């Protein structure tokens, strides 16, 4: 099995949307409750600043996962802090694709001026919590009953990864 990780391109909007929509309708990996259209994902890809990359993982020329950095807050003092998101196609989970995407983003972070990476994971998503721990994230707290999906209240674990000192900002 050969997995290739590369920067997302406009042609990746459809598989990115399909993978994300699996999480929208079937899990608490995202608190979105409405499917994303290919057009919405295309606009999302186009409008990203350089310090908020999107990566895709390919297996046999098919996109099977994606990961991104996004702004943690719109306030300028937070410019060097990002939130990480990682999604893997349901048929390809457990193959190390998520951690591979996470490591690739984390390795790129210092050159992007990123100092701190935050992660928010529903507390019932044990596989994602374990992946975050393996990637070096440290839990900082749980936000209780902050989301509601599938008719129930959900808690969210917040974890952080503070990188080496950097003076550069995005």
C-alpha atoms as a PDB file:
ATOM      1  CA  UNK A   1       0.000   0.000   0.000  1.00  0.00           C
ATOM      2  CA  UNK A   2       1.511   3.292  -1.135  1.00  0.00           C
ATOM      3  CA  UNK A   3      -0.065   6.459   0.221  1.00  0.00           C
ATOM      4  CA  UNK A   4       0.886   9.792  -1.331  1.00  0.00           C
ATOM      5  CA  UNK A   5       0.291  13.043   0.540  1.00  0.00           C
ATOM      6  CA  UNK A   6       0.123  16.256  -1.464  1.00  0.00           C
ATOM      7  CA  UNK A   7      -1.377  19.729  -1.436  1.00  0.00           C
ATOM      8  CA  UNK A   8      -5.062  19.766  -2.324  1.00  0.00           C
ATOM      9  CA  UNK A   9      -5.984  21.052  -5.759  1.00  0.00           C
ATOM     10  CA  UNK A  10      -9.319  22.350  -7.115  1.00  0.00           C
ATOM     11  CA  UNK A  11     -10.045  18.913  -8.623  1.00  0.00           C
ATOM     12  CA  UNK A  12     -10.059  17.471  -5.076  1.00  0.00           C
ATOM     13  CA  UNK A  13     -13.191  19.366  -3.989  1.00  0.00           C
ATOM     14  CA  UNK A  14     -15.527  16.458  -4.831  1.00  0.00           C
ATOM     15  CA  UNK A  15     -13.683  13.740  -2.885  1.00  0.00           C
ATOM     16  CA  UNK A  16     -13.041  16.144   0.005  1.00  0.00           C
ATOM     17  CA  UNK A  17     -16.779  16.883   0.161  1.00  0.00           C
ATOM     18  CA  UNK A  18     -17.672  13.180  -0.069  1.00  0.00           C
ATOM     19  CA  UNK A  19     -15.320  12.227   2.775  1.00  0.00           C
ATOM     20  CA  UNK A  20     -16.509  15.136   4.921  1.00  0.00           C
ATOM     21  CA  UNK A  21     -20.151  14.294   4.274  1.00  0.00           C
ATOM     22  CA  UNK A  22     -19.591  10.771   5.623  1.00  0.00           C
ATOM     23  CA  UNK A  23     -18.748  12.444   8.946  1.00  0.00           C
ATOM     24  CA  UNK A  24     -21.644  14.906   8.678  1.00  0.00           C
ATOM     25  CA  UNK A  25     -24.317  12.216   8.334  1.00  0.00           C
ATOM     26  CA  UNK A  26     -22.738   9.310  10.191  1.00  0.00           C
ATOM     27  CA  UNK A  27     -20.610  10.487  13.094  1.00  0.00           C
ATOM     28  CA  UNK A  28     -19.769  13.145  15.630  1.00  0.00           C
ATOM     29  CA  UNK A  29     -16.381  13.803  14.014  1.00  0.00           C
ATOM     30  CA  UNK A  30     -17.893  17.111  12.899  1.00  0.00           C
ATOM     31  CA  UNK A  31     -20.720  19.053  14.436  1.00  0.00           C
ATOM     32  CA  UNK A  32     -21.921  20.119  10.997  1.00  0.00           C
ATOM     33  CA  UNK A  33     -25.385  18.750  10.412  1.00  0.00           C
ATOM     34  CA  UNK A  34     -25.816  19.708   6.746  1.00  0.00           C
ATOM     35  CA  UNK A  35     -23.958  18.058   3.873  1.00  0.00           C
ATOM     36  CA  UNK A  36     -21.411  20.206   2.060  1.00  0.00           C
ATOM     37  CA  UNK A  37     -21.736  20.661  -1.697  1.00  0.00           C
ATOM     38  CA  UNK A  38     -18.830  20.304  -4.080  1.00  0.00           C
ATOM     39  CA  UNK A  39     -19.287  23.991  -4.923  1.00  0.00           C
ATOM     40  CA  UNK A  40     -18.990  24.956  -1.247  1.00  0.00           C
ATOM     41  CA  UNK A  41     -15.846  22.870  -0.861  1.00  0.00           C
ATOM     42  CA  UNK A  42     -14.420  24.416  -4.051  1.00  0.00           C
ATOM     43  CA  UNK A  43     -14.955  27.908  -2.632  1.00  0.00           C
ATOM     44  CA  UNK A  44     -13.462  26.767   0.681  1.00  0.00           C
ATOM     45  CA  UNK A  45     -10.337  25.511  -1.105  1.00  0.00           C
ATOM     46  CA  UNK A  46     -10.001  28.663  -3.216  1.00  0.00           C
ATOM     47  CA  UNK A  47     -10.355  31.083  -0.324  1.00  0.00           C
ATOM     48  CA  UNK A  48      -7.711  29.660   1.976  1.00  0.00           C
ATOM     49  CA  UNK A  49      -4.680  31.703   3.007  1.00  0.00           C
ATOM     50  CA  UNK A  50      -1.266  30.120   2.392  1.00  0.00           C
ATOM     51  CA  UNK A  51      -0.723  29.443   6.117  1.00  0.00           C
ATOM     52  CA  UNK A  52      -3.914  27.328   6.235  1.00  0.00           C
ATOM     53  CA  UNK A  53      -3.080  24.505   3.813  1.00  0.00           C
ATOM     54  CA  UNK A  54      -5.224  21.541   2.890  1.00  0.00           C
ATOM     55  CA  UNK A  55      -3.493  18.225   2.213  1.00  0.00           C
ATOM     56  CA  UNK A  56      -4.955  15.098   0.647  1.00  0.00           C
ATOM     57  CA  UNK A  57      -3.887  11.474   0.919  1.00  0.00           C
ATOM     58  CA  UNK A  58      -4.096   9.371  -2.226  1.00  0.00           C
ATOM     59  CA  UNK A  59      -4.166   5.602  -2.526  1.00  0.00           C
ATOM     60  CA  UNK A  60      -4.235   4.117  -6.031  1.00  0.00           C
ATOM     61  CA  UNK A  61      -4.875   7.595  -7.483  1.00  0.00           C
ATOM     62  CA  UNK A  62      -7.977   8.105  -5.327  1.00  0.00           C
ATOM     63  CA  UNK A  63      -8.274  10.685  -2.533  1.00  0.00           C
ATOM     64  CA  UNK A  64      -8.920   8.720   0.661  1.00  0.00           C
ATOM     65  CA  UNK A  65      -8.343  11.419   3.279  1.00  0.00           C
ATOM     66  CA  UNK A  66      -7.683  15.080   3.847  1.00  0.00           C
ATOM     67  CA  UNK A  67      -6.419  17.407   6.549  1.00  0.00           C
ATOM     68  CA  UNK A  68      -6.289  21.144   7.033  1.00  0.00           C
ATOM     69  CA  UNK A  69      -5.286  24.019   9.246  1.00  0.00           C
ATOM     70  CA  UNK A  70      -7.936  26.661   9.902  1.00  0.00           C
ATOM     71  CA  UNK A  71      -8.011  29.882  11.867  1.00  0.00           C
ATOM     72  CA  UNK A  72      -8.661  29.398  15.555  1.00  0.00           C
ATOM     73  CA  UNK A  73      -9.987  32.911  15.918  1.00  0.00           C
ATOM     74  CA  UNK A  74     -10.327  35.908  13.597  1.00  0.00           C
ATOM     75  CA  UNK A  75      -8.547  38.155  16.105  1.00  0.00           C
ATOM     76  CA  UNK A  76      -5.028  39.097  14.910  1.00  0.00           C
ATOM     77  CA  UNK A  77      -3.258  38.050  18.124  1.00  0.00           C
ATOM     78  CA  UNK A  78      -4.231  34.450  17.323  1.00  0.00           C
ATOM     79  CA  UNK A  79      -2.658  34.439  13.827  1.00  0.00           C
ATOM     80  CA  UNK A  80      -0.002  31.913  14.858  1.00  0.00           C
ATOM     81  CA  UNK A  81      -2.582  29.504  16.316  1.00  0.00           C
ATOM     82  CA  UNK A  82      -4.539  27.099  14.107  1.00  0.00           C
ATOM     83  CA  UNK A  83      -7.056  24.306  14.471  1.00  0.00           C
ATOM     84  CA  UNK A  84      -6.282  21.003  12.789  1.00  0.00           C
ATOM     85  CA  UNK A  85      -8.900  18.858  11.051  1.00  0.00           C
ATOM     86  CA  UNK A  86      -8.332  15.338   9.721  1.00  0.00           C
ATOM     87  CA  UNK A  87     -10.881  13.182   7.876  1.00  0.00           C
ATOM     88  CA  UNK A  88     -10.418   9.739   6.341  1.00  0.00           C
ATOM     89  CA  UNK A  89     -12.781   7.826   4.070  1.00  0.00           C
ATOM     90  CA  UNK A  90     -14.675   5.201   6.068  1.00  0.00           C
ATOM     91  CA  UNK A  91     -13.357   2.310   3.984  1.00  0.00           C
ATOM     92  CA  UNK A  92      -9.759   3.369   4.647  1.00  0.00           C
ATOM     93  CA  UNK A  93      -9.710   4.054   8.383  1.00  0.00           C
ATOM     94  CA  UNK A  94      -7.216   2.172  10.535  1.00  0.00           C
ATOM     95  CA  UNK A  95      -4.520   2.194   7.842  1.00  0.00           C
ATOM     96  CA  UNK A  96      -2.457   5.043   9.316  1.00  0.00           C
ATOM     97  CA  UNK A  97      -3.731   7.649   6.844  1.00  0.00           C
ATOM     98  CA  UNK A  98      -4.981  10.084   9.514  1.00  0.00           C
ATOM     99  CA  UNK A  99      -1.722  10.141  11.484  1.00  0.00           C
ATOM    100  CA  UNK A 100       0.257  10.475   8.247  1.00  0.00           C
ATOM    101  CA  UNK A 101      -1.760  13.539   7.229  1.00  0.00           C
ATOM    102  CA  UNK A 102      -1.420  14.985  10.739  1.00  0.00           C
ATOM    103  CA  UNK A 103       2.351  14.518  10.800  1.00  0.00           C
ATOM    104  CA  UNK A 104       2.700  16.156   7.379  1.00  0.00           C
ATOM    105  CA  UNK A 105       0.774  19.234   8.515  1.00  0.00           C
ATOM    106  CA  UNK A 106       2.635  19.457  11.812  1.00  0.00           C
ATOM    107  CA  UNK A 107       5.986  19.266  10.010  1.00  0.00           C
ATOM    108  CA  UNK A 108       4.962  22.174   7.754  1.00  0.00           C
ATOM    109  CA  UNK A 109       3.681  24.351  10.600  1.00  0.00           C
ATOM    110  CA  UNK A 110       6.911  26.150  11.632  1.00  0.00           C
ATOM    111  CA  UNK A 111       7.622  27.278   8.071  1.00  0.00           C
ATOM    112  CA  UNK A 112       4.066  28.662   7.963  1.00  0.00           C
ATOM    113  CA  UNK A 113       4.652  30.718  11.128  1.00  0.00           C
ATOM    114  CA  UNK A 114       2.433  28.446  13.220  1.00  0.00           C
ATOM    115  CA  UNK A 115       3.259  28.265  16.936  1.00  0.00           C
ATOM    116  CA  UNK A 116       0.290  26.397  18.423  1.00  0.00           C
ATOM    117  CA  UNK A 117      -2.032  23.785  16.934  1.00  0.00           C
ATOM    118  CA  UNK A 118      -5.359  23.136  18.641  1.00  0.00           C
ATOM    119  CA  UNK A 119      -7.663  20.171  18.251  1.00  0.00           C
ATOM    120  CA  UNK A 120     -11.326  19.807  19.194  1.00  0.00           C
ATOM    121  CA  UNK A 121     -12.618  16.230  19.309  1.00  0.00           C
ATOM    122  CA  UNK A 122     -15.952  14.888  20.504  1.00  0.00           C
ATOM    123  CA  UNK A 123     -15.181  12.885  23.638  1.00  0.00           C
ATOM    124  CA  UNK A 124     -16.906   9.796  22.224  1.00  0.00           C
ATOM    125  CA  UNK A 125     -14.446   9.763  19.283  1.00  0.00           C
ATOM    126  CA  UNK A 126     -11.824   7.646  21.039  1.00  0.00           C
ATOM    127  CA  UNK A 127      -9.839   6.816  17.874  1.00  0.00           C
ATOM    128  CA  UNK A 128      -9.293  10.515  17.118  1.00  0.00           C
ATOM    129  CA  UNK A 129      -8.324  11.217  20.726  1.00  0.00           C
ATOM    130  CA  UNK A 130      -5.722   8.415  20.597  1.00  0.00           C
ATOM    131  CA  UNK A 131      -4.416   9.711  17.259  1.00  0.00           C
ATOM    132  CA  UNK A 132      -4.006  13.179  18.744  1.00  0.00           C
ATOM    133  CA  UNK A 133      -2.054  11.747  21.665  1.00  0.00           C
ATOM    134  CA  UNK A 134       0.245   9.866  19.267  1.00  0.00           C
ATOM    135  CA  UNK A 135       0.795  13.102  17.326  1.00  0.00           C
ATOM    136  CA  UNK A 136       1.876  14.846  20.546  1.00  0.00           C
ATOM    137  CA  UNK A 137      -1.274  16.747  21.495  1.00  0.00           C
ATOM    138  CA  UNK A 138      -1.874  17.344  25.202  1.00  0.00           C
ATOM    139  CA  UNK A 139      -5.429  17.574  26.527  1.00  0.00           C
ATOM    140  CA  UNK A 140      -6.207  20.951  28.096  1.00  0.00           C
ATOM    141  CA  UNK A 141      -9.842  20.478  29.025  1.00  0.00           C
ATOM    142  CA  UNK A 142     -13.326  19.309  28.185  1.00  0.00           C
ATOM    143  CA  UNK A 143     -16.140  21.602  27.138  1.00  0.00           C
ATOM    144  CA  UNK A 144     -19.352  19.985  28.372  1.00  0.00           C
ATOM    145  CA  UNK A 145     -22.565  19.805  26.354  1.00  0.00           C
ATOM    146  CA  UNK A 146     -21.397  22.363  23.776  1.00  0.00           C
ATOM    147  CA  UNK A 147     -22.855  20.530  20.780  1.00  0.00           C
ATOM    148  CA  UNK A 148     -26.065  18.749  19.984  1.00  0.00           C
ATOM    149  CA  UNK A 149     -26.253  16.155  17.228  1.00  0.00           C
ATOM    150  CA  UNK A 150     -28.289  12.991  16.696  1.00  0.00           C
ATOM    151  CA  UNK A 151     -30.619  14.115  19.485  1.00  0.00           C
ATOM    152  CA  UNK A 152     -28.044  14.185  22.246  1.00  0.00           C
ATOM    153  CA  UNK A 153     -25.687  16.624  23.956  1.00  0.00           C
ATOM    154  CA  UNK A 154     -21.990  16.178  23.185  1.00  0.00           C
ATOM    155  CA  UNK A 155     -18.802  17.069  25.026  1.00  0.00           C
ATOM    156  CA  UNK A 156     -15.619  18.216  23.281  1.00  0.00           C
ATOM    157  CA  UNK A 157     -12.030  17.577  24.309  1.00  0.00           C
ATOM    158  CA  UNK A 158      -9.670  20.455  23.537  1.00  0.00           C
ATOM    159  CA  UNK A 159      -6.010  19.515  23.064  1.00  0.00           C
ATOM    160  CA  UNK A 160      -2.955  21.533  22.097  1.00  0.00           C
ATOM    161  CA  UNK A 161       0.425  21.048  20.492  1.00  0.00           C
ATOM    162  CA  UNK A 162       2.832  23.913  21.169  1.00  0.00           C
ATOM    163  CA  UNK A 163       5.677  23.949  18.670  1.00  0.00           C
ATOM    164  CA  UNK A 164       9.200  25.326  18.973  1.00  0.00           C
ATOM    165  CA  UNK A 165       9.631  29.055  19.356  1.00  0.00           C
ATOM    166  CA  UNK A 166       8.964  31.006  16.197  1.00  0.00           C
ATOM    167  CA  UNK A 167       9.136  34.730  15.564  1.00  0.00           C
ATOM    168  CA  UNK A 168       7.571  34.515  12.147  1.00  0.00           C
ATOM    169  CA  UNK A 169       3.870  34.991  11.727  1.00  0.00           C
ATOM    170  CA  UNK A 170       1.656  34.296   8.774  1.00  0.00           C
END
